Amino acid sequence: MLPILELRSKGGRSTARVSSFGARLIDWTFEGQPHLFMPQAGAADEMVAPHGGVPVLFPQFGLFGPGRKHGVVRDRDWRVEEQGESSCLLRTRLRGEDGDFDVFLRVDLHDDGPDLSFSAVNVGTQSQSFTAGLHTYLRVPNIETTLLEGLEAVAYEDALQNLTPVEPAWVPLTAPVNVDRVYVATPRRLQLRTPDFALLLEQSGFHDTVVWNPGPEIAKTFADLNDGEWRTFLCVEAAQIRPPVTLGPMDTWYGTQKIRRLAA
């Protein structure tokens, strides 16, 4: 097994685990309550369960580019550069056909939630372009009683309809079953609400937000999802897609996502 880094916030209200495989935040609990989804298939071995935690997507988000879907770094062993009681820093290097980058993920765990800080350094001699994201799987009691606020005034591209542009809905996203939407140029702050709790999601650097839930039919095509597990998560992904980032030699790009537990 690859190293699993155990984190505990300074006040002890939150705990988290980070895998060096893909630098994936595989769980976060607040006062014992889990707030990230990980399928049962990942309980024994997170390497066989791509749908869970917070996978890092780089140098390509989804199919937005000529390379491999969702990039390559989520399937690599990352080096642990730093580890403390409540924080860690991991790094991986890309060379060759996937680009010439040094890529970092830092996780800082606070009492009310984690900060994820992503950065990519162009170590090549030419400018390079990429798309990127943090594919955050948020655990919910029931997707049909889940509400996402903050995207009401934002147009989106519907990935279930060949990225057809859709005008703003002007209402919160309610019971988001079987959705796959790319919201472009989104607000920095969103709120996910359930009958039991709420989460504040804040991002910087990443200018887009992808919202995804597979619904029952698409979920059947994923080997790591058991029947009904699709009901217990909503992906709210910090992304940079429109436009791609173009980074000059030795320049660095930064993106962050912060998750905070709120009262219901």
Protein backbone atom coordinates (compact mmCIF):
# COMPACT_ATOMS: atom_id res chain seq x y z
CA MET A 1 0.00 0.00 0.00
CA LEU A 2 1.12 3.53 -0.74
CA PRO A 3 1.46 5.99 2.14
CA ILE A 4 -1.72 7.45 3.60
CA LEU A 5 -1.11 10.74 5.40
CA GLU A 6 -3.23 11.26 8.51
CA LEU A 7 -4.16 14.87 9.32
CA ARG A 8 -5.84 16.34 12.37
CA SER A 9 -6.86 19.97 12.80
CA LYS A 10 -5.33 21.93 15.65
CA GLY A 11 -8.58 22.00 17.60
CA GLY A 12 -9.31 18.36 16.86
CA ARG A 13 -12.74 18.89 15.27
CA SER A 14 -11.66 17.71 11.81
CA THR A 15 -9.60 14.76 10.59
CA ALA A 16 -8.55 13.88 7.05
CA ARG A 17 -6.51 11.39 5.06
CA VAL A 18 -4.47 12.07 1.94
CA SER A 19 -3.17 9.32 -0.33
CA SER A 20 0.18 9.72 -2.07
CA PHE A 21 -1.43 7.90 -5.00
CA GLY A 22 -2.74 10.83 -7.03
CA ALA A 23 -2.36 13.22 -4.06
CA ARG A 24 -6.03 12.50 -3.42
CA LEU A 25 -7.81 13.76 -0.33
CA ILE A 26 -9.71 10.55 0.36
CA ASP A 27 -11.74 11.62 3.38
CA TRP A 28 -12.55 14.52 5.68
CA THR A 29 -14.67 14.22 8.79
CA PHE A 30 -16.04 17.02 10.95
CA GLU A 31 -16.79 15.95 14.52
CA GLY A 32 -16.92 12.37 13.27
CA GLN A 33 -19.26 13.05 10.34
CA PRO A 34 -17.80 12.29 6.88
CA HIS A 35 -18.21 15.03 4.28
CA LEU A 36 -16.39 13.48 1.32
CA PHE A 37 -17.80 10.55 -0.60
CA MET A 38 -15.68 7.44 -1.13
CA PRO A 39 -17.33 4.34 -2.61
CA GLN A 40 -17.29 1.10 -0.66
CA ALA A 41 -14.91 -0.24 -3.29
CA GLY A 42 -12.33 2.28 -2.09
CA ALA A 43 -12.50 1.29 1.56
CA ALA A 44 -9.91 -1.44 1.07
CA ASP A 45 -7.94 0.08 -1.81
CA GLU A 46 -8.49 3.63 -3.04
CA MET A 47 -6.49 2.83 -6.20
CA VAL A 48 -9.39 0.79 -7.59
CA ALA A 49 -12.04 3.47 -6.88
CA PRO A 50 -11.56 6.56 -9.06
CA HIS A 51 -14.98 7.99 -8.14
CA GLY A 52 -14.41 9.45 -4.69
CA GLY A 53 -12.48 11.90 -2.53
CA VAL A 54 -10.84 14.78 -4.39
CA PRO A 55 -8.92 13.56 -7.46
CA VAL A 56 -6.52 16.08 -9.02
CA LEU A 57 -7.15 16.56 -12.76
CA PHE A 58 -4.15 17.75 -14.80
CA PRO A 59 -3.02 18.59 -17.47
CA GLN A 60 -6.49 18.06 -18.89
CA PHE A 61 -9.96 18.33 -17.45
CA GLY A 62 -12.35 15.78 -18.93
CA LEU A 63 -12.19 15.77 -22.71
CA PHE A 64 -11.28 19.46 -22.95
CA GLY A 65 -8.06 18.90 -24.84
CA PRO A 66 -6.22 16.40 -27.04
CA GLY A 67 -4.85 14.22 -24.24
CA ARG A 68 -6.12 11.60 -21.85
CA LYS A 69 -9.47 12.25 -20.18
CA HIS A 70 -8.92 13.93 -16.79
CA GLY A 71 -5.15 13.95 -17.32
CA VAL A 72 -2.55 11.65 -15.82
CA VAL A 73 -1.55 12.88 -12.37
CA ARG A 74 -4.46 11.22 -10.54
CA ASP A 75 -2.92 7.85 -11.46
CA ARG A 76 0.64 8.64 -10.36
CA ASP A 77 2.56 8.18 -7.15
CA TRP A 78 3.33 11.61 -5.71
CA ARG A 79 6.29 12.44 -3.50
CA VAL A 80 5.58 13.70 0.01
CA GLU A 81 7.55 16.94 0.33
CA GLU A 82 6.24 18.03 3.75
CA GLN A 83 4.01 16.55 6.42
CA GLY A 84 2.77 18.08 9.66
CA GLU A 85 -0.03 17.35 12.08
CA SER A 86 -2.57 19.39 10.09
CA SER A 87 -0.95 19.90 6.68
CA CYS A 88 0.98 18.19 3.92
CA LEU A 89 2.58 19.03 0.59
CA LEU A 90 2.93 16.57 -2.30
CA ARG A 91 4.65 16.86 -5.68
CA THR A 92 4.79 15.04 -8.98
CA ARG A 93 6.69 15.74 -12.20
CA LEU A 94 5.54 15.49 -15.80
CA ARG A 95 8.04 15.21 -18.60
CA GLY A 96 7.49 14.46 -22.26
CA GLU A 97 4.23 14.05 -24.13
CA ASP A 98 2.08 15.22 -21.21
CA GLY A 99 4.10 18.41 -20.87
CA ASP A 100 6.99 19.57 -18.74
CA PHE A 101 5.56 20.55 -15.36
CA ASP A 102 6.24 20.29 -11.66
CA VAL A 103 2.86 19.91 -9.97
CA PHE A 104 2.07 20.46 -6.29
CA LEU A 105 -0.90 19.93 -3.98
CA ARG A 106 -0.98 21.28 -0.46
CA VAL A 107 -3.69 20.34 2.05
CA ASP A 108 -4.20 22.47 5.17
CA LEU A 109 -6.83 21.12 7.56
CA HIS A 110 -8.66 23.61 9.78
CA ASP A 111 -11.22 22.84 12.46
CA ASP A 112 -14.10 23.59 10.07
CA GLY A 113 -12.64 22.12 6.89
CA PRO A 114 -9.77 21.70 4.43
CA ASP A 115 -7.94 24.07 2.12
CA LEU A 116 -6.62 22.49 -1.10
CA SER A 117 -3.95 24.51 -2.89
CA PHE A 118 -2.89 23.37 -6.35
CA SER A 119 0.01 24.77 -8.37
CA ALA A 120 1.73 23.94 -11.64
CA VAL A 121 5.17 25.18 -12.70
CA ASN A 122 6.15 25.19 -16.37
CA VAL A 123 9.69 23.81 -16.27
CA GLY A 124 9.92 23.58 -20.06
CA THR A 125 11.51 26.02 -22.49
CA GLN A 126 8.28 26.89 -24.33
CA SER A 127 4.85 28.12 -23.30
CA GLN A 128 2.44 25.29 -22.46
CA SER A 129 -1.35 25.14 -22.15
CA PHE A 130 -3.56 23.03 -19.90
CA THR A 131 -6.93 22.67 -18.26
CA ALA A 132 -7.21 21.52 -14.65
CA GLY A 133 -9.52 20.87 -11.74
CA LEU A 134 -10.20 19.43 -8.32
CA HIS A 135 -12.90 16.76 -8.77
CA THR A 136 -14.50 17.14 -5.33
CA TYR A 137 -17.01 14.45 -4.30
CA LEU A 138 -19.17 15.88 -1.52
CA ARG A 139 -21.10 13.35 0.57
CA VAL A 140 -24.79 14.16 1.00
CA PRO A 141 -27.55 12.29 2.88
CA ASN A 142 -29.72 12.15 -0.25
CA ILE A 143 -29.14 13.90 -3.57
CA GLU A 144 -32.88 14.47 -3.90
CA THR A 145 -32.89 16.71 -0.79
CA THR A 146 -29.71 18.58 -1.77
CA LEU A 147 -29.56 22.23 -2.83
CA LEU A 148 -26.65 24.12 -4.43
CA GLU A 149 -26.76 27.92 -4.22
CA GLY A 150 -24.65 30.52 -6.00
CA LEU A 151 -24.88 29.52 -9.66
CA GLU A 152 -28.31 30.96 -10.33
CA ALA A 153 -27.04 33.81 -12.56
CA VAL A 154 -24.41 31.77 -14.44
CA ALA A 155 -24.83 30.25 -17.91
CA TYR A 156 -23.53 26.72 -18.39
CA GLU A 157 -22.65 24.12 -20.98
CA ASP A 158 -24.64 20.89 -20.72
CA ALA A 159 -22.23 17.97 -21.15
CA LEU A 160 -25.19 15.59 -21.42
CA GLN A 161 -26.24 17.49 -24.57
CA ASN A 162 -22.89 17.82 -26.37
CA LEU A 163 -21.97 20.95 -24.39
CA THR A 164 -25.03 22.85 -25.56
CA PRO A 165 -25.01 26.39 -24.07
CA VAL A 166 -27.83 26.98 -21.57
CA GLU A 167 -28.94 30.34 -20.21
CA PRO A 168 -28.92 31.01 -16.44
CA ALA A 169 -31.70 29.29 -14.51
CA TRP A 170 -32.12 32.12 -11.95
CA VAL A 171 -33.03 29.56 -9.27
CA PRO A 172 -30.85 27.37 -7.03
CA LEU A 173 -29.93 23.92 -8.32
CA THR A 174 -32.33 21.58 -6.50
CA ALA A 175 -32.18 17.76 -6.40
CA PRO A 176 -29.36 17.65 -8.99
CA VAL A 177 -29.80 14.04 -10.18
CA ASN A 178 -28.06 13.11 -13.44
CA VAL A 179 -26.45 16.47 -14.17
CA ASP A 180 -23.13 17.24 -15.89
CA ARG A 181 -22.70 20.98 -16.27
CA VAL A 182 -19.77 23.27 -16.92
CA TYR A 183 -20.52 26.66 -15.37
CA VAL A 184 -18.18 29.28 -16.83
CA ALA A 185 -16.85 32.27 -14.86
CA THR A 186 -18.57 31.42 -11.59
CA PRO A 187 -18.75 33.25 -8.26
CA ARG A 188 -15.99 32.48 -5.78
CA ARG A 189 -18.44 31.26 -3.14
CA LEU A 190 -21.14 28.62 -3.34
CA GLN A 191 -23.20 26.88 -0.67
CA LEU A 192 -24.35 23.28 -0.63
CA ARG A 193 -27.32 22.70 1.65
CA THR A 194 -28.88 19.52 3.01
CA PRO A 195 -31.47 19.02 5.79
CA ASP A 196 -28.62 18.13 8.17
CA PHE A 197 -25.80 20.57 7.37
CA ALA A 198 -24.43 23.11 4.92
CA LEU A 199 -21.02 23.50 3.30
CA LEU A 200 -19.38 26.70 2.08
CA LEU A 201 -17.27 26.19 -1.05
CA GLU A 202 -14.80 28.92 -1.95
CA GLN A 203 -12.39 28.83 -4.88
CA SER A 204 -9.73 31.10 -6.39
CA GLY A 205 -7.63 30.77 -9.52
CA PHE A 206 -10.15 28.23 -10.79
CA HIS A 207 -12.71 30.36 -12.62
CA ASP A 208 -15.19 27.63 -13.60
CA THR A 209 -17.30 25.11 -11.69
CA VAL A 210 -18.39 21.67 -12.86
CA VAL A 211 -21.42 20.08 -11.18
CA TRP A 212 -21.91 16.34 -11.67
CA ASN A 213 -24.07 13.51 -10.46
CA PRO A 214 -24.39 10.42 -12.68
CA GLY A 215 -27.91 9.36 -11.76
CA PRO A 216 -28.93 5.69 -11.68
CA GLU A 217 -28.34 4.71 -15.32
CA ILE A 218 -24.87 6.18 -15.83
CA ALA A 219 -23.83 4.96 -12.37
CA LYS A 220 -24.40 1.39 -13.54
CA THR A 221 -21.50 1.78 -15.98
CA PHE A 222 -18.98 2.45 -13.19
CA ALA A 223 -17.45 -0.68 -11.66
CA ASP A 224 -16.58 1.05 -8.38
CA LEU A 225 -20.10 2.32 -7.60
CA ASN A 226 -22.55 0.01 -5.87
CA ASP A 227 -26.29 0.26 -6.38
CA GLY A 228 -27.62 3.43 -4.86
CA GLU A 229 -24.27 5.06 -4.07
CA TRP A 230 -24.97 7.74 -6.67
CA ARG A 231 -27.64 9.08 -4.29
CA THR A 232 -25.04 9.99 -1.67
CA PHE A 233 -22.77 12.44 -3.49
CA LEU A 234 -22.63 15.57 -5.57
CA CYS A 235 -19.45 16.66 -7.31
CA VAL A 236 -18.83 20.41 -7.13
CA GLU A 237 -15.53 20.77 -8.93
CA ALA A 238 -13.23 23.77 -8.99
CA ALA A 239 -12.06 23.91 -12.60
CA GLN A 240 -10.18 25.98 -15.15
CA ILE A 241 -11.52 25.09 -18.59
CA ARG A 242 -12.77 28.20 -20.41
CA PRO A 243 -10.20 29.36 -21.38
CA PRO A 244 -7.28 26.96 -20.89
CA VAL A 245 -4.26 28.31 -19.03
CA THR A 246 -1.23 29.23 -21.13
CA LEU A 247 1.87 29.32 -18.97
CA GLY A 248 5.26 30.71 -19.96
CA PRO A 249 8.60 29.05 -19.13
CA MET A 250 9.24 28.93 -15.37
CA ASP A 251 5.89 30.58 -14.62
CA THR A 252 3.53 29.18 -11.98
CA TRP A 253 -0.26 28.90 -11.93
CA TYR A 254 -2.22 28.61 -8.68
CA GLY A 255 -5.73 27.41 -7.90
CA THR A 256 -7.44 26.78 -4.55
CA GLN A 257 -10.62 25.27 -3.17
CA LYS A 258 -11.71 25.71 0.43
CA ILE A 259 -14.50 23.71 2.06
CA ARG A 260 -16.09 24.86 5.33
CA ARG A 261 -18.72 23.17 7.47
CA LEU A 262 -21.66 25.40 8.38
CA ALA A 263 -24.71 24.91 10.52
CA ALA A 264 -27.77 23.50 8.75
